[in-house]
Protein backbone atom coordinates (compact mmCIF):
# COMPACT_ATOMS: atom_id res chain seq x y z
CA UNK A 1 0.00 0.00 0.00
CA UNK A 2 1.33 3.43 -0.97
CA UNK A 3 0.34 6.69 0.71
CA UNK A 4 1.60 10.23 0.40
CA UNK A 5 1.95 11.92 3.77
CA UNK A 6 0.46 15.38 3.99
CA UNK A 7 -0.69 15.95 7.56
CA UNK A 8 0.84 18.75 9.65
CA UNK A 9 2.85 17.75 12.71
CA UNK A 10 2.38 19.64 15.95
CA UNK A 11 5.50 19.53 18.09
CA UNK A 12 6.01 21.19 21.44
CA UNK A 13 9.41 22.83 22.17
CA UNK A 14 10.78 19.72 23.92
CA UNK A 15 9.79 17.45 21.03
CA UNK A 16 11.27 19.87 18.50
CA UNK A 17 14.56 19.89 20.44
CA UNK A 18 14.59 16.09 20.55
CA UNK A 19 14.16 15.92 16.79
CA UNK A 20 16.96 18.41 16.15
CA UNK A 21 19.28 16.43 18.43
CA UNK A 22 17.99 13.02 17.37
CA UNK A 23 21.22 11.66 15.86
CA UNK A 24 23.33 12.85 18.79
CA UNK A 25 20.92 11.49 21.41
CA UNK A 26 20.77 8.11 19.64
CA UNK A 27 24.57 7.90 19.62
CA UNK A 28 24.65 8.89 23.31
CA UNK A 29 22.11 6.15 24.13
CA UNK A 30 24.19 3.53 22.33
CA UNK A 31 27.40 4.76 23.97
CA UNK A 32 25.95 4.69 27.50
CA UNK A 33 24.39 1.26 26.87
CA UNK A 34 27.74 -0.12 25.75
CA UNK A 35 29.40 1.38 28.83
CA UNK A 36 26.83 -0.33 31.05
CA UNK A 37 27.45 -3.63 29.26
CA UNK A 38 31.20 -3.24 29.82
CA UNK A 39 30.59 -2.65 33.54
CA UNK A 40 28.47 -5.79 33.74
CA UNK A 41 31.09 -8.02 32.10
CA UNK A 42 34.49 -6.62 33.10
CA UNK A 43 35.86 -6.49 36.69
CA UNK A 44 36.77 -3.20 38.39
CA UNK A 45 34.10 -1.23 36.46
CA UNK A 46 36.38 0.71 34.10
CA UNK A 47 35.29 4.05 32.64
CA UNK A 48 33.12 4.83 35.67
CA UNK A 49 33.49 8.60 35.38
CA UNK A 50 32.66 8.41 31.69
CA UNK A 51 29.43 6.55 32.40
CA UNK A 52 28.41 8.98 35.14
CA UNK A 53 29.03 11.90 32.81
CA UNK A 54 26.91 10.19 30.12
CA UNK A 55 24.06 10.26 32.61
CA UNK A 56 24.78 13.94 33.29
CA UNK A 57 24.47 14.80 29.60
CA UNK A 58 21.13 12.99 29.42
CA UNK A 59 19.86 14.65 32.60
CA UNK A 60 20.93 18.08 31.36
CA UNK A 61 18.93 17.57 28.17
CA UNK A 62 15.84 16.34 30.01
CA UNK A 63 15.93 19.32 32.38
CA UNK A 64 16.42 21.91 29.64
CA UNK A 65 16.46 20.51 26.08
CA UNK A 66 18.92 22.12 23.72
CA UNK A 67 22.48 22.15 22.48
CA UNK A 68 23.61 24.89 24.86
CA UNK A 69 22.57 22.80 27.88
CA UNK A 70 24.48 19.66 26.94
CA UNK A 71 27.66 21.32 25.65
CA UNK A 72 29.46 21.67 28.99
CA UNK A 73 28.75 18.15 30.31
CA UNK A 74 29.60 16.72 26.89
CA UNK A 75 33.01 18.38 27.00
CA UNK A 76 33.54 16.70 30.40
CA UNK A 77 32.44 13.40 28.85
CA UNK A 78 35.07 13.76 26.14
CA UNK A 79 37.77 14.46 28.70
CA UNK A 80 36.80 11.59 31.04
CA UNK A 81 36.66 9.06 28.22
CA UNK A 82 40.09 9.96 26.86
CA UNK A 83 41.66 10.02 30.31
CA UNK A 84 40.13 6.73 31.47
CA UNK A 85 40.84 4.92 28.21
CA UNK A 86 44.51 5.92 28.47
CA UNK A 87 44.72 4.32 31.93
CA UNK A 88 43.04 1.00 31.14
CA UNK A 89 45.41 -1.96 31.28
CA UNK A 90 45.12 -4.49 28.44
CA UNK A 91 42.29 -6.97 29.10
CA UNK A 92 41.93 -9.50 26.27
CA UNK A 93 38.40 -10.43 27.26
CA UNK A 94 37.33 -6.78 27.01
CA UNK A 95 39.17 -5.88 23.80
CA UNK A 96 36.15 -6.21 21.43
CA UNK A 97 33.98 -4.11 23.72
CA UNK A 98 36.65 -1.43 24.17
CA UNK A 99 37.28 -1.29 20.42
CA UNK A 100 33.55 -0.93 19.86
CA UNK A 101 33.31 1.84 22.47
CA UNK A 102 36.06 3.74 20.71
CA UNK A 103 34.17 3.47 17.41
CA UNK A 104 30.91 4.64 18.97
CA UNK A 105 32.73 7.51 20.69
CA UNK A 106 34.05 8.66 17.31
CA UNK A 107 30.46 8.68 16.01
CA UNK A 108 29.23 10.52 19.11
CA UNK A 109 31.88 13.21 18.62
CA UNK A 110 30.98 13.53 14.94
CA UNK A 111 27.28 13.88 15.75
CA UNK A 112 28.02 16.61 18.28
CA UNK A 113 30.11 18.55 15.77
CA UNK A 114 27.40 18.06 13.14
CA UNK A 115 24.78 19.24 15.61
CA UNK A 116 26.81 22.33 16.47
CA UNK A 117 27.12 23.20 12.80
CA UNK A 118 23.44 22.57 12.12
CA UNK A 119 22.52 24.80 15.05
CA UNK A 120 24.27 27.63 13.26
CA UNK A 121 23.26 26.74 9.68
CA UNK A 122 20.06 24.71 10.04
CA UNK A 123 18.76 25.20 6.50
CA UNK A 124 22.04 25.55 4.64
CA UNK A 125 22.54 23.81 1.28
CA UNK A 126 25.98 22.58 0.31
CA UNK A 127 27.81 20.65 -2.38
CA UNK A 128 28.44 17.03 -1.39
CA UNK A 129 30.73 14.57 -3.11
CA UNK A 130 28.54 11.58 -4.02
CA UNK A 131 31.39 9.10 -3.68
CA UNK A 132 32.26 10.41 -0.23
CA UNK A 133 28.61 10.24 0.83
CA UNK A 134 28.52 6.56 -0.20
CA UNK A 135 31.75 5.87 1.67
CA UNK A 136 30.40 7.67 4.74
CA UNK A 137 27.25 5.55 4.73
CA UNK A 138 29.28 2.35 4.34
CA UNK A 139 31.49 3.42 7.28
CA UNK A 140 28.35 4.11 9.33
CA UNK A 141 27.06 0.62 8.54
CA UNK A 142 30.44 -0.79 9.56
CA UNK A 143 30.08 0.84 12.97
CA UNK A 144 26.54 -0.54 13.32
CA UNK A 145 27.91 -4.00 12.54
CA UNK A 146 30.77 -3.58 15.01
CA UNK A 147 28.32 -2.50 17.68
CA UNK A 148 26.48 -5.81 17.28
CA UNK A 149 29.58 -7.60 18.67
CA UNK A 150 29.24 -10.38 16.13
CA UNK A 151 25.46 -10.84 16.20
CA UNK A 152 25.24 -10.03 12.48
CA UNK A 153 27.28 -8.79 9.53
CA UNK A 154 26.57 -6.19 6.86
CA UNK A 155 27.93 -6.63 3.34
CA UNK A 156 27.65 -4.56 0.16
CA UNK A 157 28.64 -7.28 -2.32
CA UNK A 158 26.20 -10.06 -3.17
CA UNK A 159 29.06 -12.50 -3.74
CA UNK A 160 30.16 -11.99 -0.12
CA UNK A 161 26.74 -12.52 1.41
CA UNK A 162 26.12 -15.41 3.78
CA UNK A 163 22.55 -16.45 4.68
CA UNK A 164 22.41 -14.33 7.86
CA UNK A 165 24.17 -11.26 6.48
CA UNK A 166 22.46 -8.02 5.63
CA UNK A 167 22.99 -6.99 2.01
CA UNK A 168 23.05 -3.21 1.51
CA UNK A 169 23.06 -1.41 -1.86
CA UNK A 170 23.88 2.31 -2.01
CA UNK A 171 23.49 4.31 -5.22
CA UNK A 172 24.09 8.06 -5.30
CA UNK A 173 23.86 9.95 -8.59
CA UNK A 174 24.48 13.65 -9.17
CA UNK A 175 22.82 15.65 -11.93
CA UNK A 176 26.20 16.78 -13.22
CA UNK A 177 29.51 15.15 -12.32
CA UNK A 178 29.92 13.68 -8.85
CA UNK A 179 28.67 16.55 -6.67
CA UNK A 180 25.13 17.00 -5.35
CA UNK A 181 23.67 20.27 -4.08
CA UNK A 182 21.56 19.39 -1.03
CA UNK A 183 20.58 20.46 2.50
CA UNK A 184 23.24 19.51 5.03
CA UNK A 185 20.59 17.96 7.30
CA UNK A 186 19.62 15.42 4.60
CA UNK A 187 22.79 13.48 5.39
CA UNK A 188 21.40 12.68 8.87
CA UNK A 189 18.07 11.63 7.33
CA UNK A 190 19.89 9.15 5.09
CA UNK A 191 21.65 7.60 8.08
CA UNK A 192 18.46 7.48 10.14
CA UNK A 193 16.43 5.76 7.43
CA UNK A 194 19.14 3.17 6.76
CA UNK A 195 19.46 2.48 10.50
CA UNK A 196 15.66 2.15 10.76
CA UNK A 197 15.60 -0.27 7.84
CA UNK A 198 18.31 -2.40 9.45
CA UNK A 199 16.53 -2.34 12.81
CA UNK A 200 13.23 -3.63 11.40
CA UNK A 201 14.70 -6.13 8.95
CA UNK A 202 15.86 -9.50 10.21
CA UNK A 203 19.41 -10.72 9.43
CA UNK A 204 19.57 -12.05 5.90
CA UNK A 205 17.49 -9.17 4.57
CA UNK A 206 18.25 -6.56 1.94
CA UNK A 207 18.36 -2.77 2.30
CA UNK A 208 18.65 -0.36 -0.62
CA UNK A 209 19.34 3.37 -0.61
CA UNK A 210 19.16 5.57 -3.66
CA UNK A 211 19.81 9.30 -3.85
CA UNK A 212 19.57 11.13 -7.14
CA UNK A 213 19.03 14.64 -8.39
CA UNK A 214 17.63 15.98 -11.63
CA UNK A 215 16.97 19.48 -12.86
CA UNK A 216 14.07 20.03 -10.49
CA UNK A 217 14.46 17.93 -7.35
CA UNK A 218 16.41 15.63 -5.07
CA UNK A 219 14.91 12.16 -4.62
CA UNK A 220 15.86 9.87 -1.73
CA UNK A 221 14.53 6.31 -1.52
CA UNK A 222 15.26 3.73 1.16
CA UNK A 223 13.79 0.25 0.73
CA UNK A 224 13.92 -2.89 2.87
CA UNK A 225 12.29 -6.32 2.87
CA UNK A 226 11.68 -6.30 6.61
CA UNK A 227 8.61 -6.39 8.80
CA UNK A 228 6.64 -3.65 7.12
CA UNK A 229 3.97 -1.41 8.62
CA UNK A 230 0.29 -2.32 9.11
CA UNK A 231 -1.70 -0.52 6.42
CA UNK A 232 -4.04 1.18 8.89
CA UNK A 233 -1.06 2.75 10.69
CA UNK A 234 0.99 4.01 7.75
CA UNK A 235 -0.05 7.63 8.16
CA UNK A 236 0.65 7.60 11.89
CA UNK A 237 4.23 6.33 11.97
CA UNK A 238 5.58 9.86 11.40
CA UNK A 239 3.84 11.12 14.54
CA UNK A 240 6.22 11.92 17.38
CA UNK A 241 6.89 8.81 19.47
CA UNK A 242 4.43 6.61 17.57
CA UNK A 243 5.40 2.99 16.88
CA UNK A 244 3.40 0.54 14.80
CA UNK A 245 1.78 -2.32 16.70
CA UNK A 246 3.97 -5.01 15.10
CA UNK A 247 7.13 -3.49 16.66
CA UNK A 248 5.69 -1.58 19.61
CA UNK A 249 6.65 -4.14 22.23
CA UNK A 250 10.28 -4.40 21.10
CA UNK A 251 13.04 -2.68 23.02
CA UNK A 252 15.22 -0.43 20.89
CA UNK A 253 18.19 1.75 21.73
CA UNK A 254 17.14 4.66 19.54
CA UNK A 255 14.60 7.35 20.24
CA UNK A 256 12.17 6.09 17.61
CA UNK A 257 11.93 9.47 15.90
CA UNK A 258 13.69 8.71 12.61
CA UNK A 259 10.60 8.88 10.39
CA UNK A 260 9.30 11.90 12.29
CA UNK A 261 12.56 13.74 11.71
CA UNK A 262 12.62 12.75 8.03
CA UNK A 263 9.08 14.03 7.53
CA UNK A 264 9.77 17.25 9.45
CA UNK A 265 12.83 18.01 7.32
CA UNK A 266 10.93 17.11 4.16
CA UNK A 267 8.21 19.63 5.04
CA UNK A 268 10.79 22.24 6.05
CA UNK A 269 12.12 22.18 2.49
CA UNK A 270 8.64 22.07 0.88
CA UNK A 271 9.10 18.47 -0.20
CA UNK A 272 6.88 15.41 -0.55
CA UNK A 273 7.12 12.05 1.22
CA UNK A 274 5.60 8.65 0.44
CA UNK A 275 5.45 5.38 2.35
CA UNK A 276 4.96 2.09 0.51
CA UNK A 277 4.65 -0.80 2.94
CA UNK A 278 3.05 -4.19 3.46
CA UNK A 279 3.22 -6.01 6.76
CA UNK A 280 5.71 -8.85 6.53
CA UNK A 281 7.04 -7.72 3.16
CA UNK A 282 8.96 -4.52 3.80
CA UNK A 283 8.86 -0.75 3.53
CA UNK A 284 9.94 1.87 1.01
CA UNK A 285 10.36 5.50 2.09
CA UNK A 286 10.61 8.10 -0.68
CA UNK A 287 11.33 11.80 -0.22
CA UNK A 288 11.44 14.46 -2.92
CA UNK A 289 12.80 17.94 -2.21
CA UNK A 290 12.72 20.74 -4.79
CA UNK A 291 16.21 21.80 -5.80
CA UNK A 292 17.21 25.14 -4.41
CA UNK A 293 18.05 27.48 -7.29
CA UNK A 294 21.13 28.98 -5.67
CA UNK A 295 24.22 26.91 -6.29
CA UNK A 296 22.64 24.48 -8.76
CA UNK A 297 25.32 25.13 -11.34
CA UNK A 298 28.25 25.43 -8.94
């Protein structure tokens, strides 16, 4: 079933702040969860100050949502993590978890820097190298795989796929050459939709992402063959905090706002968004954003 979404979304200031900081908060949730797992499995509870400061960042946001509120505790988090990691003695049993934490910390730092930039240039358009965007998405998928600690693998080549591997195809095409002119915040939407597709597709499934531009618009499509969305709930899954009944009971480490954020950004740039989904067969999300005239020929 295919529907075009058109309803307005009413967000209060706290919800709006959560959407703006969605990628950062998701990374923080994963990072703190991995720290808790390390404390449960490794003696002497390493990185204790780092974990406490993670909680401080989350508390600061809940008390007063916004980038300005979390900046100071996040700087302390950076310092504690680097200091405590430098003091940890080699522990072979903890090596995979520590390596994973380092990878997630790199992502967390990147999301904070991205958030800081977006706070200053929320609606800015920029030229992006299509090849670098593809490489960035593949690196992001590699970190997702690493964070699974061996529960699944993600491959981009069909010949390398084993029965329980995810197969991901990424195709990015510019109108002219290899550079696309697009809103800087669309990069986060691409990551969020791919992460959502992975989350709601069982190992062995396929995820496809296509981004292309023509003379009039940018078109982003993300398709999976996962669990799909019940047809009577398609229009509601972009509502803040809403989860379809076939996944509602599952615990997830993200905020669950990926589709809401995608729809909000789509509307911000006067775009259109469609959902094509069948329960048990998968979901396709398509977004079209009119090309901004300025910079098209740069």
